[in-house]
Amino acid sequence: MHLIKKKTIEIYCSKYADAKDKLLCWSKDIKEATWKMPNDIKKEDATVSFIGDSRVVFNIKKYRLIADINYERGWVFVIRFLTHDEYDKIDVATISAEY
Protein backbone atom coordinates (compact mmCIF):
# COMPACT_ATOMS: atom_id res chain seq x y z
CA MET A 1 0.00 0.00 0.00
CA HIS A 2 1.07 3.58 -0.55
CA LEU A 3 0.71 6.06 2.31
CA ILE A 4 -0.47 9.40 0.96
CA LYS A 5 0.93 12.50 2.70
CA LYS A 6 3.58 10.81 4.85
CA LYS A 7 4.15 14.22 6.43
CA THR A 8 0.88 13.73 8.33
CA ILE A 9 2.43 10.85 10.25
CA GLU A 10 5.44 13.02 11.12
CA ILE A 11 3.12 15.73 12.44
CA TYR A 12 1.23 13.26 14.60
CA CYS A 13 4.52 11.74 15.86
CA SER A 14 5.52 15.20 17.08
CA LYS A 15 2.12 15.97 18.54
CA TYR A 16 1.73 12.59 20.30
CA ALA A 17 5.28 11.64 21.29
CA ASP A 18 4.09 8.70 23.41
CA ALA A 19 2.67 7.08 20.27
CA LYS A 20 5.59 7.84 17.95
CA ASP A 21 7.04 4.32 17.91
CA LYS A 22 3.65 2.72 17.27
CA LEU A 23 2.79 5.24 14.55
CA LEU A 24 6.08 4.64 12.77
CA CYS A 25 5.54 0.89 13.06
CA TRP A 26 2.01 1.28 11.65
CA SER A 27 3.40 3.35 8.78
CA LYS A 28 5.99 0.67 7.99
CA ASP A 29 3.32 -2.04 8.10
CA ILE A 30 1.20 -0.04 5.64
CA LYS A 31 4.06 0.03 3.12
CA GLU A 32 4.32 -3.76 3.31
CA ALA A 33 0.57 -4.42 3.15
CA THR A 34 -1.20 -5.65 0.01
CA TRP A 35 -4.83 -5.20 1.00
CA LYS A 36 -7.37 -5.80 -1.73
CA MET A 37 -10.46 -5.70 0.52
CA PRO A 38 -11.40 -4.96 4.14
CA ASN A 39 -11.11 -8.61 5.18
CA ASP A 40 -7.41 -8.48 4.32
CA ILE A 41 -6.95 -5.84 7.02
CA LYS A 42 -9.09 -7.73 9.51
CA LYS A 43 -6.89 -10.82 9.05
CA GLU A 44 -3.88 -8.77 10.16
CA ASP A 45 -5.57 -6.66 12.84
CA ALA A 46 -8.75 -7.91 14.48
CA THR A 47 -9.23 -4.60 16.34
CA VAL A 48 -9.92 -2.45 13.26
CA SER A 49 -13.36 -1.01 12.61
CA PHE A 50 -14.88 -0.25 9.24
CA ILE A 51 -17.05 2.78 8.51
CA GLY A 52 -18.61 2.48 5.08
CA ASP A 53 -16.70 1.09 2.12
CA SER A 54 -13.38 2.87 2.53
CA ARG A 55 -13.01 4.35 6.02
CA VAL A 56 -11.04 2.31 8.54
CA VAL A 57 -10.32 2.98 12.21
CA PHE A 58 -7.09 1.54 13.63
CA ASN A 59 -6.42 1.28 17.36
CA ILE A 60 -2.91 2.48 18.15
CA LYS A 61 -2.05 2.54 21.83
CA LYS A 62 -4.64 4.80 23.48
CA TYR A 63 -5.47 6.48 20.18
CA ARG A 64 -7.59 5.95 17.09
CA LEU A 65 -6.22 6.50 13.62
CA ILE A 66 -8.87 7.16 11.00
CA ALA A 67 -7.90 6.45 7.40
CA ASP A 68 -9.53 6.25 4.01
CA ILE A 69 -8.36 3.38 1.85
CA ASN A 70 -8.59 3.01 -1.90
CA TYR A 71 -8.07 -0.72 -2.30
CA GLU A 72 -8.01 -0.62 -6.09
CA ARG A 73 -5.18 1.91 -6.24
CA GLY A 74 -3.48 0.77 -3.03
CA TRP A 75 -3.68 4.17 -1.34
CA VAL A 76 -4.00 4.90 2.38
CA PHE A 77 -4.88 8.46 3.36
CA VAL A 78 -4.73 9.37 7.07
CA ILE A 79 -7.72 11.46 8.10
CA ARG A 80 -7.15 11.96 11.83
CA PHE A 81 -5.25 10.63 14.83
CA LEU A 82 -7.27 11.15 18.00
CA THR A 83 -7.50 10.16 21.62
CA HIS A 84 -10.44 7.90 22.47
CA ASP A 85 -12.23 10.87 24.09
CA GLU A 86 -11.77 13.03 20.98
CA TYR A 87 -12.90 10.14 18.80
CA ASP A 88 -16.10 9.72 20.81
CA LYS A 89 -17.06 13.34 20.08
CA ILE A 90 -16.87 13.22 16.28
CA ASP A 91 -18.81 11.70 13.41
CA VAL A 92 -16.26 9.27 12.02
CA ALA A 93 -18.11 8.87 8.75
CA THR A 94 -18.02 12.56 7.82
CA ILE A 95 -14.92 14.04 9.47
CA SER A 96 -12.36 15.40 7.02
CA ALA A 97 -8.57 15.37 7.05
CA GLU A 98 -6.82 17.59 9.56
CA TYR A 99 -3.56 18.04 7.62
PDB file of N, CA and C in Angstrom:
ATOM      1  N   MET A   1       0.850  -1.171   0.000  1.00  0.00           N
ATOM      2  CA  MET A   1       0.000   0.000   0.000  1.00  0.00           C
ATOM      3  C   MET A   1       0.900   1.241   0.000  1.00  0.00           C
ATOM      4  N   HIS A   2       0.337   2.323  -0.469  1.00  0.00           N
ATOM      5  CA  HIS A   2       1.072   3.581  -0.547  1.00  0.00           C
ATOM      6  C   HIS A   2       0.429   4.592   0.399  1.00  0.00           C
ATOM      7  N   LEU A   3       1.198   5.072   1.358  1.00  0.00           N
ATOM      8  CA  LEU A   3       0.708   6.058   2.313  1.00  0.00           C
ATOM      9  C   LEU A   3       0.771   7.441   1.673  1.00  0.00           C
ATOM     10  N   ILE A   4      -0.380   8.061   1.534  1.00  0.00           N
ATOM     11  CA  ILE A   4      -0.470   9.399   0.955  1.00  0.00           C
ATOM     12  C   ILE A   4      -0.197  10.424   2.060  1.00  0.00           C
ATOM     13  N   LYS A   5       0.580  11.439   1.754  1.00  0.00           N
ATOM     14  CA  LYS A   5       0.935  12.505   2.701  1.00  0.00           C
ATOM     15  C   LYS A   5       1.637  11.944   3.945  1.00  0.00           C
ATOM     16  N   LYS A   6       2.788  11.360   3.746  1.00  0.00           N
ATOM     17  CA  LYS A   6       3.584  10.811   4.848  1.00  0.00           C
ATOM     18  C   LYS A   6       3.878  11.866   5.908  1.00  0.00           C
ATOM     19  N   LYS A   7       3.899  13.112   5.502  1.00  0.00           N
ATOM     20  CA  LYS A   7       4.152  14.223   6.426  1.00  0.00           C
ATOM     21  C   LYS A   7       3.128  14.229   7.566  1.00  0.00           C
ATOM     22  N   THR A   8       1.922  13.786   7.295  1.00  0.00           N
ATOM     23  CA  THR A   8       0.884  13.733   8.327  1.00  0.00           C
ATOM     24  C   THR A   8       1.332  12.853   9.484  1.00  0.00           C
ATOM     25  N   ILE A   9       1.943  11.736   9.195  1.00  0.00           N
ATOM     26  CA  ILE A   9       2.433  10.846  10.253  1.00  0.00           C
ATOM     27  C   ILE A   9       3.508  11.557  11.063  1.00  0.00           C
ATOM     28  N   GLU A  10       4.391  12.272  10.410  1.00  0.00           N
ATOM     29  CA  GLU A  10       5.439  13.021  11.117  1.00  0.00           C
ATOM     30  C   GLU A  10       4.823  14.060  12.058  1.00  0.00           C
ATOM     31  N   ILE A  11       3.790  14.729  11.607  1.00  0.00           N
ATOM     32  CA  ILE A  11       3.117  15.726  12.443  1.00  0.00           C
ATOM     33  C   ILE A  11       2.519  15.062  13.675  1.00  0.00           C
ATOM     34  N   TYR A  12       1.837  13.953  13.471  1.00  0.00           N
ATOM     35  CA  TYR A  12       1.232  13.257  14.605  1.00  0.00           C
ATOM     36  C   TYR A  12       2.293  12.664  15.541  1.00  0.00           C
ATOM     37  N   CYS A  13       3.423  12.240  15.010  1.00  0.00           N
ATOM     38  CA  CYS A  13       4.518  11.739  15.857  1.00  0.00           C
ATOM     39  C   CYS A  13       5.023  12.850  16.779  1.00  0.00           C
ATOM     40  N   SER A  14       5.095  14.059  16.265  1.00  0.00           N
ATOM     41  CA  SER A  14       5.521  15.198  17.082  1.00  0.00           C
ATOM     42  C   SER A  14       4.466  15.586  18.109  1.00  0.00           C
ATOM     43  N   LYS A  15       3.230  15.558  17.671  1.00  0.00           N
ATOM     44  CA  LYS A  15       2.123  15.972  18.540  1.00  0.00           C
ATOM     45  C   LYS A  15       1.840  14.956  19.644  1.00  0.00           C
ATOM     46  N   TYR A  16       2.011  13.677  19.355  1.00  0.00           N
ATOM     47  CA  TYR A  16       1.729  12.592  20.300  1.00  0.00           C
ATOM     48  C   TYR A  16       2.986  11.738  20.470  1.00  0.00           C
ATOM     49  N   ALA A  17       3.966  12.288  21.157  1.00  0.00           N
ATOM     50  CA  ALA A  17       5.278  11.639  21.289  1.00  0.00           C
ATOM     51  C   ALA A  17       5.183  10.243  21.891  1.00  0.00           C
ATOM     52  N   ASP A  18       4.220  10.024  22.778  1.00  0.00           N
ATOM     53  CA  ASP A  18       4.087   8.705  23.412  1.00  0.00           C
ATOM     54  C   ASP A  18       3.629   7.625  22.431  1.00  0.00           C
ATOM     55  N   ALA A  19       3.134   8.041  21.279  1.00  0.00           N
ATOM     56  CA  ALA A  19       2.666   7.078  20.271  1.00  0.00           C
ATOM     57  C   ALA A  19       3.599   7.008  19.064  1.00  0.00           C
ATOM     58  N   LYS A  20       4.702   7.744  19.112  1.00  0.00           N
ATOM     59  CA  LYS A  20       5.595   7.839  17.951  1.00  0.00           C
ATOM     60  C   LYS A  20       6.045   6.465  17.455  1.00  0.00           C
ATOM     61  N   ASP A  21       6.545   5.627  18.334  1.00  0.00           N
ATOM     62  CA  ASP A  21       7.042   4.319  17.906  1.00  0.00           C
ATOM     63  C   ASP A  21       5.953   3.489  17.240  1.00  0.00           C
ATOM     64  N   LYS A  22       4.765   3.499  17.823  1.00  0.00           N
ATOM     65  CA  LYS A  22       3.652   2.721  17.266  1.00  0.00           C
ATOM     66  C   LYS A  22       3.191   3.293  15.932  1.00  0.00           C
ATOM     67  N   LEU A  23       3.171   4.613  15.819  1.00  0.00           N
ATOM     68  CA  LEU A  23       2.789   5.242  14.548  1.00  0.00           C
ATOM     69  C   LEU A  23       3.783   4.910  13.442  1.00  0.00           C
ATOM     70  N   LEU A  24       5.057   4.962  13.769  1.00  0.00           N
ATOM     71  CA  LEU A  24       6.080   4.638  12.772  1.00  0.00           C
ATOM     72  C   LEU A  24       6.000   3.168  12.378  1.00  0.00           C
ATOM     73  N   CYS A  25       5.711   2.315  13.343  1.00  0.00           N
ATOM     74  CA  CYS A  25       5.540   0.888  13.057  1.00  0.00           C
ATOM     75  C   CYS A  25       4.319   0.680  12.160  1.00  0.00           C
ATOM     76  N   TRP A  26       3.223   1.365  12.463  1.00  0.00           N
ATOM     77  CA  TRP A  26       2.008   1.284  11.648  1.00  0.00           C
ATOM     78  C   TRP A  26       2.317   1.724  10.217  1.00  0.00           C
ATOM     79  N   SER A  27       3.043   2.820  10.091  1.00  0.00           N
ATOM     80  CA  SER A  27       3.401   3.349   8.777  1.00  0.00           C
ATOM     81  C   SER A  27       4.231   2.340   7.983  1.00  0.00           C
ATOM     82  N   LYS A  28       5.166   1.694   8.642  1.00  0.00           N
ATOM     83  CA  LYS A  28       5.992   0.665   7.995  1.00  0.00           C
ATOM     84  C   LYS A  28       5.130  -0.519   7.563  1.00  0.00           C
ATOM     85  N   ASP A  29       4.212  -0.923   8.425  1.00  0.00           N
ATOM     86  CA  ASP A  29       3.319  -2.041   8.103  1.00  0.00           C
ATOM     87  C   ASP A  29       2.446  -1.717   6.885  1.00  0.00           C
ATOM     88  N   ILE A  30       2.017  -0.468   6.774  1.00  0.00           N
ATOM     89  CA  ILE A  30       1.199  -0.041   5.636  1.00  0.00           C
ATOM     90  C   ILE A  30       1.973  -0.246   4.334  1.00  0.00           C
ATOM     91  N   LYS A  31       3.235   0.143   4.329  1.00  0.00           N
ATOM     92  CA  LYS A  31       4.057   0.028   3.123  1.00  0.00           C
ATOM     93  C   LYS A  31       4.203  -1.425   2.667  1.00  0.00           C
ATOM     94  N   GLU A  32       4.159  -2.342   3.621  1.00  0.00           N
ATOM     95  CA  GLU A  32       4.324  -3.759   3.306  1.00  0.00           C
ATOM     96  C   GLU A  32       2.996  -4.467   3.014  1.00  0.00           C
ATOM     97  N   ALA A  33       1.892  -3.809   3.321  1.00  0.00           N
ATOM     98  CA  ALA A  33       0.572  -4.418   3.149  1.00  0.00           C
ATOM     99  C   ALA A  33       0.180  -4.500   1.675  1.00  0.00           C
ATOM    100  N   THR A  34      -0.665  -5.479   1.373  1.00  0.00           N
ATOM    101  CA  THR A  34      -1.197  -5.646   0.009  1.00  0.00           C
ATOM    102  C   THR A  34      -2.698  -5.892   0.089  1.00  0.00           C
ATOM    103  N   TRP A  35      -3.396  -5.028   0.783  1.00  0.00           N
ATOM    104  CA  TRP A  35      -4.829  -5.199   0.996  1.00  0.00           C
ATOM    105  C   TRP A  35      -5.613  -4.987  -0.289  1.00  0.00           C
ATOM    106  N   LYS A  36      -6.485  -5.910  -0.579  1.00  0.00           N
ATOM    107  CA  LYS A  36      -7.371  -5.801  -1.730  1.00  0.00           C
ATOM    108  C   LYS A  36      -8.820  -5.590  -1.309  1.00  0.00           C
ATOM    109  N   MET A  37      -9.103  -5.850  -0.021  1.00  0.00           N
ATOM    110  CA  MET A  37     -10.456  -5.700   0.516  1.00  0.00           C
ATOM    111  C   MET A  37     -10.367  -5.593   2.038  1.00  0.00           C
ATOM    112  N   PRO A  38     -11.429  -5.120   2.688  1.00  0.00           N
ATOM    113  CA  PRO A  38     -11.397  -4.959   4.138  1.00  0.00           C
ATOM    114  C   PRO A  38     -11.021  -6.225   4.915  1.00  0.00           C
ATOM    115  N   ASN A  39     -11.453  -7.372   4.464  1.00  0.00           N
ATOM    116  CA  ASN A  39     -11.114  -8.607   5.176  1.00  0.00           C
ATOM    117  C   ASN A  39      -9.617  -8.848   5.250  1.00  0.00           C
ATOM    118  N   ASP A  40      -8.867  -8.341   4.288  1.00  0.00           N
ATOM    119  CA  ASP A  40      -7.414  -8.481   4.321  1.00  0.00           C
ATOM    120  C   ASP A  40      -6.829  -7.745   5.533  1.00  0.00           C
ATOM    121  N   ILE A  41      -7.402  -6.592   5.845  1.00  0.00           N
ATOM    122  CA  ILE A  41      -6.949  -5.836   7.018  1.00  0.00           C
ATOM    123  C   ILE A  41      -7.345  -6.582   8.292  1.00  0.00           C
ATOM    124  N   LYS A  42      -8.573  -7.041   8.329  1.00  0.00           N
ATOM    125  CA  LYS A  42      -9.094  -7.727   9.509  1.00  0.00           C
ATOM    126  C   LYS A  42      -8.269  -8.975   9.841  1.00  0.00           C
ATOM    127  N   LYS A  43      -7.746  -9.650   8.827  1.00  0.00           N
ATOM    128  CA  LYS A  43      -6.893 -10.825   9.047  1.00  0.00           C
ATOM    129  C   LYS A  43      -5.612 -10.445   9.788  1.00  0.00           C
ATOM    130  N   GLU A  44      -5.118  -9.238   9.550  1.00  0.00           N
ATOM    131  CA  GLU A  44      -3.882  -8.769  10.164  1.00  0.00           C
ATOM    132  C   GLU A  44      -4.125  -8.068  11.500  1.00  0.00           C
ATOM    133  N   ASP A  45      -5.283  -7.438  11.638  1.00  0.00           N
ATOM    134  CA  ASP A  45      -5.573  -6.661  12.843  1.00  0.00           C
ATOM    135  C   ASP A  45      -7.054  -6.782  13.178  1.00  0.00           C
ATOM    136  N   ALA A  46      -7.359  -7.650  14.117  1.00  0.00           N
ATOM    137  CA  ALA A  46      -8.755  -7.914  14.480  1.00  0.00           C
ATOM    138  C   ALA A  46      -9.426  -6.740  15.177  1.00  0.00           C
ATOM    139  N   THR A  47      -8.649  -5.731  15.597  1.00  0.00           N
ATOM    140  CA  THR A  47      -9.230  -4.605  16.338  1.00  0.00           C
ATOM    141  C   THR A  47      -9.720  -3.468  15.449  1.00  0.00           C
ATOM    142  N   VAL A  48      -9.486  -3.541  14.144  1.00  0.00           N
ATOM    143  CA  VAL A  48      -9.915  -2.453  13.257  1.00  0.00           C
ATOM    144  C   VAL A  48     -11.437  -2.409  13.157  1.00  0.00           C
ATOM    145  N   SER A  49     -11.930  -1.208  12.859  1.00  0.00           N
ATOM    146  CA  SER A  49     -13.364  -1.010  12.614  1.00  0.00           C
ATOM    147  C   SER A  49     -13.521  -0.415  11.224  1.00  0.00           C
ATOM    148  N   PHE A  50     -14.613  -0.744  10.575  1.00  0.00           N
ATOM    149  CA  PHE A  50     -14.883  -0.246   9.236  1.00  0.00           C
ATOM    150  C   PHE A  50     -16.104   0.659   9.261  1.00  0.00           C
ATOM    151  N   ILE A  51     -15.967   1.808   8.625  1.00  0.00           N
ATOM    152  CA  ILE A  51     -17.045   2.780   8.508  1.00  0.00           C
ATOM    153  C   ILE A  51     -17.284   2.958   7.013  1.00  0.00           C
ATOM    154  N   GLY A  52     -18.352   2.409   6.510  1.00  0.00           N
ATOM    155  CA  GLY A  52     -18.615   2.485   5.077  1.00  0.00           C
ATOM    156  C   GLY A  52     -17.662   1.598   4.292  1.00  0.00           C
ATOM    157  N   ASP A  53     -17.508   1.915   3.015  1.00  0.00           N
ATOM    158  CA  ASP A  53     -16.702   1.088   2.123  1.00  0.00           C
ATOM    159  C   ASP A  53     -15.204   1.339   2.215  1.00  0.00           C
ATOM    160  N   SER A  54     -14.805   2.555   2.600  1.00  0.00           N
ATOM    161  CA  SER A  54     -13.379   2.867   2.526  1.00  0.00           C
ATOM    162  C   SER A  54     -12.761   3.396   3.820  1.00  0.00           C
ATOM    163  N   ARG A  55     -13.557   3.776   4.785  1.00  0.00           N
ATOM    164  CA  ARG A  55     -13.011   4.353   6.020  1.00  0.00           C
ATOM    165  C   ARG A  55     -12.717   3.247   7.024  1.00  0.00           C
ATOM    166  N   VAL A  56     -11.501   3.324   7.594  1.00  0.00           N
ATOM    167  CA  VAL A  56     -11.039   2.311   8.542  1.00  0.00           C
ATOM    168  C   VAL A  56     -10.509   3.009   9.786  1.00  0.00           C
ATOM    169  N   VAL A  57     -10.812   2.448  10.948  1.00  0.00           N
ATOM    170  CA  VAL A  57     -10.319   2.983  12.214  1.00  0.00           C
ATOM    171  C   VAL A  57      -9.373   1.954  12.823  1.00  0.00           C
ATOM    172  N   PHE A  58      -8.120   2.383  13.027  1.00  0.00           N
ATOM    173  CA  PHE A  58      -7.092   1.536  13.629  1.00  0.00           C
ATOM    174  C   PHE A  58      -6.892   1.954  15.082  1.00  0.00           C
ATOM    175  N   ASN A  59      -6.733   1.005  15.961  1.00  0.00           N
ATOM    176  CA  ASN A  59      -6.418   1.282  17.362  1.00  0.00           C
ATOM    177  C   ASN A  59      -4.904   1.253  17.519  1.00  0.00           C
ATOM    178  N   ILE A  60      -4.353   2.372  17.947  1.00  0.00           N
ATOM    179  CA  ILE A  60      -2.907   2.483  18.154  1.00  0.00           C
ATOM    180  C   ILE A  60      -2.685   3.051  19.546  1.00  0.00           C
ATOM    181  N   LYS A  61      -2.210   2.188  20.427  1.00  0.00           N
ATOM    182  CA  LYS A  61      -2.047   2.544  21.833  1.00  0.00           C
ATOM    183  C   LYS A  61      -3.384   3.037  22.365  1.00  0.00           C
ATOM    184  N   LYS A  62      -3.392   4.240  22.941  1.00  0.00           N
ATOM    185  CA  LYS A  62      -4.640   4.796  23.482  1.00  0.00           C
ATOM    186  C   LYS A  62      -5.301   5.763  22.494  1.00  0.00           C
ATOM    187  N   TYR A  63      -4.992   5.588  21.230  1.00  0.00           N
ATOM    188  CA  TYR A  63      -5.473   6.480  20.178  1.00  0.00           C
ATOM    189  C   TYR A  63      -6.235   5.715  19.107  1.00  0.00           C
ATOM    190  N   ARG A  64      -6.910   6.497  18.265  1.00  0.00           N
ATOM    191  CA  ARG A  64      -7.588   5.952  17.095  1.00  0.00           C
ATOM    192  C   ARG A  64      -7.084   6.692  15.863  1.00  0.00           C
ATOM    193  N   LEU A  65      -6.653   5.933  14.886  1.00  0.00           N
ATOM    194  CA  LEU A  65      -6.216   6.503  13.619  1.00  0.00           C
ATOM    195  C   LEU A  65      -7.300   6.213  12.592  1.00  0.00           C
ATOM    196  N   ILE A  66      -7.821   7.272  12.010  1.00  0.00           N
ATOM    197  CA  ILE A  66      -8.873   7.155  11.001  1.00  0.00           C
ATOM    198  C   ILE A  66      -8.229   7.330   9.637  1.00  0.00           C
ATOM    199  N   ALA A  67      -8.493   6.389   8.739  1.00  0.00           N
ATOM    200  CA  ALA A  67      -7.902   6.445   7.403  1.00  0.00           C
ATOM    201  C   ALA A  67      -8.945   6.103   6.355  1.00  0.00           C
ATOM    202  N   ASP A  68      -8.759   6.651   5.183  1.00  0.00           N
ATOM    203  CA  ASP A  68      -9.530   6.252   4.012  1.00  0.00           C
ATOM    204  C   ASP A  68      -8.619   5.391   3.149  1.00  0.00           C
ATOM    205  N   ILE A  69      -9.168   4.299   2.637  1.00  0.00           N
ATOM    206  CA  ILE A  69      -8.363   3.383   1.846  1.00  0.00           C
ATOM    207  C   ILE A  69      -9.004   3.169   0.480  1.00  0.00           C
ATOM    208  N   ASN A  70      -8.189   3.334  -0.541  1.00  0.00           N
ATOM    209  CA  ASN A  70      -8.593   3.010  -1.898  1.00  0.00           C
ATOM    210  C   ASN A  70      -7.903   1.695  -2.235  1.00  0.00           C
ATOM    211  N   TYR A  71      -8.637   0.608  -2.105  1.00  0.00           N
ATOM    212  CA  TYR A  71      -8.069  -0.725  -2.297  1.00  0.00           C
ATOM    213  C   TYR A  71      -7.597  -0.944  -3.732  1.00  0.00           C
ATOM    214  N   GLU A  72      -8.346  -0.427  -4.683  1.00  0.00           N
ATOM    215  CA  GLU A  72      -8.015  -0.620  -6.092  1.00  0.00           C
ATOM    216  C   GLU A  72      -6.664   0.002  -6.447  1.00  0.00           C
ATOM    217  N   ARG A  73      -6.427   1.206  -5.951  1.00  0.00           N
ATOM    218  CA  ARG A  73      -5.176   1.908  -6.244  1.00  0.00           C
ATOM    219  C   ARG A  73      -4.075   1.621  -5.218  1.00  0.00           C
ATOM    220  N   GLY A  74      -4.454   1.060  -4.069  1.00  0.00           N
ATOM    221  CA  GLY A  74      -3.475   0.768  -3.030  1.00  0.00           C
ATOM    222  C   GLY A  74      -3.054   1.990  -2.237  1.00  0.00           C
ATOM    223  N   TRP A  75      -3.973   2.932  -2.048  1.00  0.00           N
ATOM    224  CA  TRP A  75      -3.684   4.173  -1.343  1.00  0.00           C
ATOM    225  C   TRP A  75      -4.279   4.168   0.053  1.00  0.00           C
ATOM    226  N   VAL A  76      -3.521   4.696   1.014  1.00  0.00           N
ATOM    227  CA  VAL A  76      -4.004   4.902   2.382  1.00  0.00           C
ATOM    228  C   VAL A  76      -3.810   6.378   2.698  1.00  0.00           C
ATOM    229  N   PHE A  77      -4.898   7.036   3.078  1.00  0.00           N
ATOM    230  CA  PHE A  77      -4.877   8.463   3.361  1.00  0.00           C
ATOM    231  C   PHE A  77      -5.311   8.664   4.810  1.00  0.00           C
ATOM    232  N   VAL A  78      -4.413   9.163   5.650  1.00  0.00           N
ATOM    233  CA  VAL A  78      -4.727   9.374   7.068  1.00  0.00           C
ATOM    234  C   VAL A  78      -5.637  10.598   7.204  1.00  0.00           C
ATOM    235  N   ILE A  79      -6.759  10.384   7.869  1.00  0.00           N
ATOM    236  CA  ILE A  79      -7.720  11.462   8.096  1.00  0.00           C
ATOM    237  C   ILE A  79      -7.449  12.157   9.426  1.00  0.00           C
ATOM    238  N   ARG A  80      -7.394  11.396  10.496  1.00  0.00           N
ATOM    239  CA  ARG A  80      -7.153  11.958  11.830  1.00  0.00           C
ATOM    240  C   ARG A  80      -6.501  10.929  12.732  1.00  0.00           C
ATOM    241  N   PHE A  81      -5.816  11.439  13.753  1.00  0.00           N
ATOM    242  CA  PHE A  81      -5.247  10.625  14.827  1.00  0.00           C
ATOM    243  C   PHE A  81      -5.728  11.272  16.114  1.00  0.00           C
ATOM    244  N   LEU A  82      -6.564  10.564  16.863  1.00  0.00           N
ATOM    245  CA  LEU A  82      -7.273  11.154  17.997  1.00  0.00           C
ATOM    246  C   LEU A  82      -7.184  10.285  19.241  1.00  0.00           C
ATOM    247  N   THR A  83      -7.338  10.927  20.398  1.00  0.00           N
ATOM    248  CA  THR A  83      -7.501  10.156  21.625  1.00  0.00           C
ATOM    249  C   THR A  83      -8.881   9.506  21.569  1.00  0.00           C
ATOM    250  N   HIS A  84      -9.117   8.549  22.442  1.00  0.00           N
ATOM    251  CA  HIS A  84     -10.438   7.904  22.470  1.00  0.00           C
ATOM    252  C   HIS A  84     -11.528   8.919  22.818  1.00  0.00           C
ATOM    253  N   ASP A  85     -11.237   9.847  23.738  1.00  0.00           N
ATOM    254  CA  ASP A  85     -12.227  10.872  24.091  1.00  0.00           C
ATOM    255  C   ASP A  85     -12.553  11.768  22.905  1.00  0.00           C
ATOM    256  N   GLU A  86     -11.541  12.202  22.169  1.00  0.00           N
ATOM    257  CA  GLU A  86     -11.768  13.032  20.979  1.00  0.00           C
ATOM    258  C   GLU A  86     -12.572  12.260  19.941  1.00  0.00           C
ATOM    259  N   TYR A  87     -12.220  11.008  19.767  1.00  0.00           N
ATOM    260  CA  TYR A  87     -12.899  10.137  18.799  1.00  0.00           C
ATOM    261  C   TYR A  87     -14.386  10.009  19.119  1.00  0.00           C
ATOM    262  N   ASP A  88     -14.700   9.880  20.394  1.00  0.00           N
ATOM    263  CA  ASP A  88     -16.097   9.716  20.812  1.00  0.00           C
ATOM    264  C   ASP A  88     -16.953  10.949  20.526  1.00  0.00           C
ATOM    265  N   LYS A  89     -16.330  12.088  20.280  1.00  0.00           N
ATOM    266  CA  LYS A  89     -17.063  13.344  20.083  1.00  0.00           C
ATOM    267  C   LYS A  89     -17.259  13.707  18.611  1.00  0.00           C
ATOM    268  N   ILE A  90     -16.788  12.880  17.704  1.00  0.00           N
ATOM    269  CA  ILE A  90     -16.868  13.223  16.279  1.00  0.00           C
ATOM    270  C   ILE A  90     -17.756  12.232  15.526  1.00  0.00           C
ATOM    271  N   ASP A  91     -18.121  12.610  14.327  1.00  0.00           N
ATOM    272  CA  ASP A  91     -18.812  11.698  13.414  1.00  0.00           C
ATOM    273  C   ASP A  91     -17.744  11.133  12.485  1.00  0.00           C
ATOM    274  N   VAL A  92     -17.360   9.906  12.749  1.00  0.00           N
ATOM    275  CA  VAL A  92     -16.255   9.273  12.022  1.00  0.00           C
ATOM    276  C   VAL A  92     -16.525   9.197  10.516  1.00  0.00           C
ATOM    277  N   ALA A  93     -17.759   9.034  10.159  1.00  0.00           N
ATOM    278  CA  ALA A  93     -18.110   8.871   8.747  1.00  0.00           C
ATOM    279  C   ALA A  93     -17.934  10.156   7.932  1.00  0.00           C
ATOM    280  N   THR A  94     -18.034  11.315   8.582  1.00  0.00           N
ATOM    281  CA  THR A  94     -18.019  12.558   7.822  1.00  0.00           C
ATOM    282  C   THR A  94     -16.825  13.472   8.117  1.00  0.00           C
ATOM    283  N   ILE A  95     -16.049  13.159   9.130  1.00  0.00           N
ATOM    284  CA  ILE A  95     -14.916  14.042   9.471  1.00  0.00           C
ATOM    285  C   ILE A  95     -13.917  14.076   8.322  1.00  0.00           C
ATOM    286  N   SER A  96     -13.326  15.257   8.114  1.00  0.00           N
ATOM    287  CA  SER A  96     -12.358  15.400   7.017  1.00  0.00           C
ATOM    288  C   SER A  96     -10.935  15.434   7.573  1.00  0.00           C
ATOM    289  N   ALA A  97      -9.980  15.404   6.673  1.00  0.00           N
ATOM    290  CA  ALA A  97      -8.565  15.367   7.054  1.00  0.00           C
ATOM    291  C   ALA A  97      -8.170  16.647   7.789  1.00  0.00           C
ATOM    292  N   GLU A  98      -7.313  16.451   8.761  1.00  0.00           N
ATOM    293  CA  GLU A  98      -6.823  17.594   9.556  1.00  0.00           C
ATOM    294  C   GLU A  98      -5.642  18.271   8.875  1.00  0.00           C
ATOM    295  N   TYR A  99      -4.771  17.503   8.258  1.00  0.00           N
ATOM    296  CA  TYR A  99      -3.555  18.043   7.620  1.00  0.00           C
ATOM    297  C   TYR A  99      -3.520  17.673   6.161  1.00  0.00           C
TER     298      TYR A  99
END
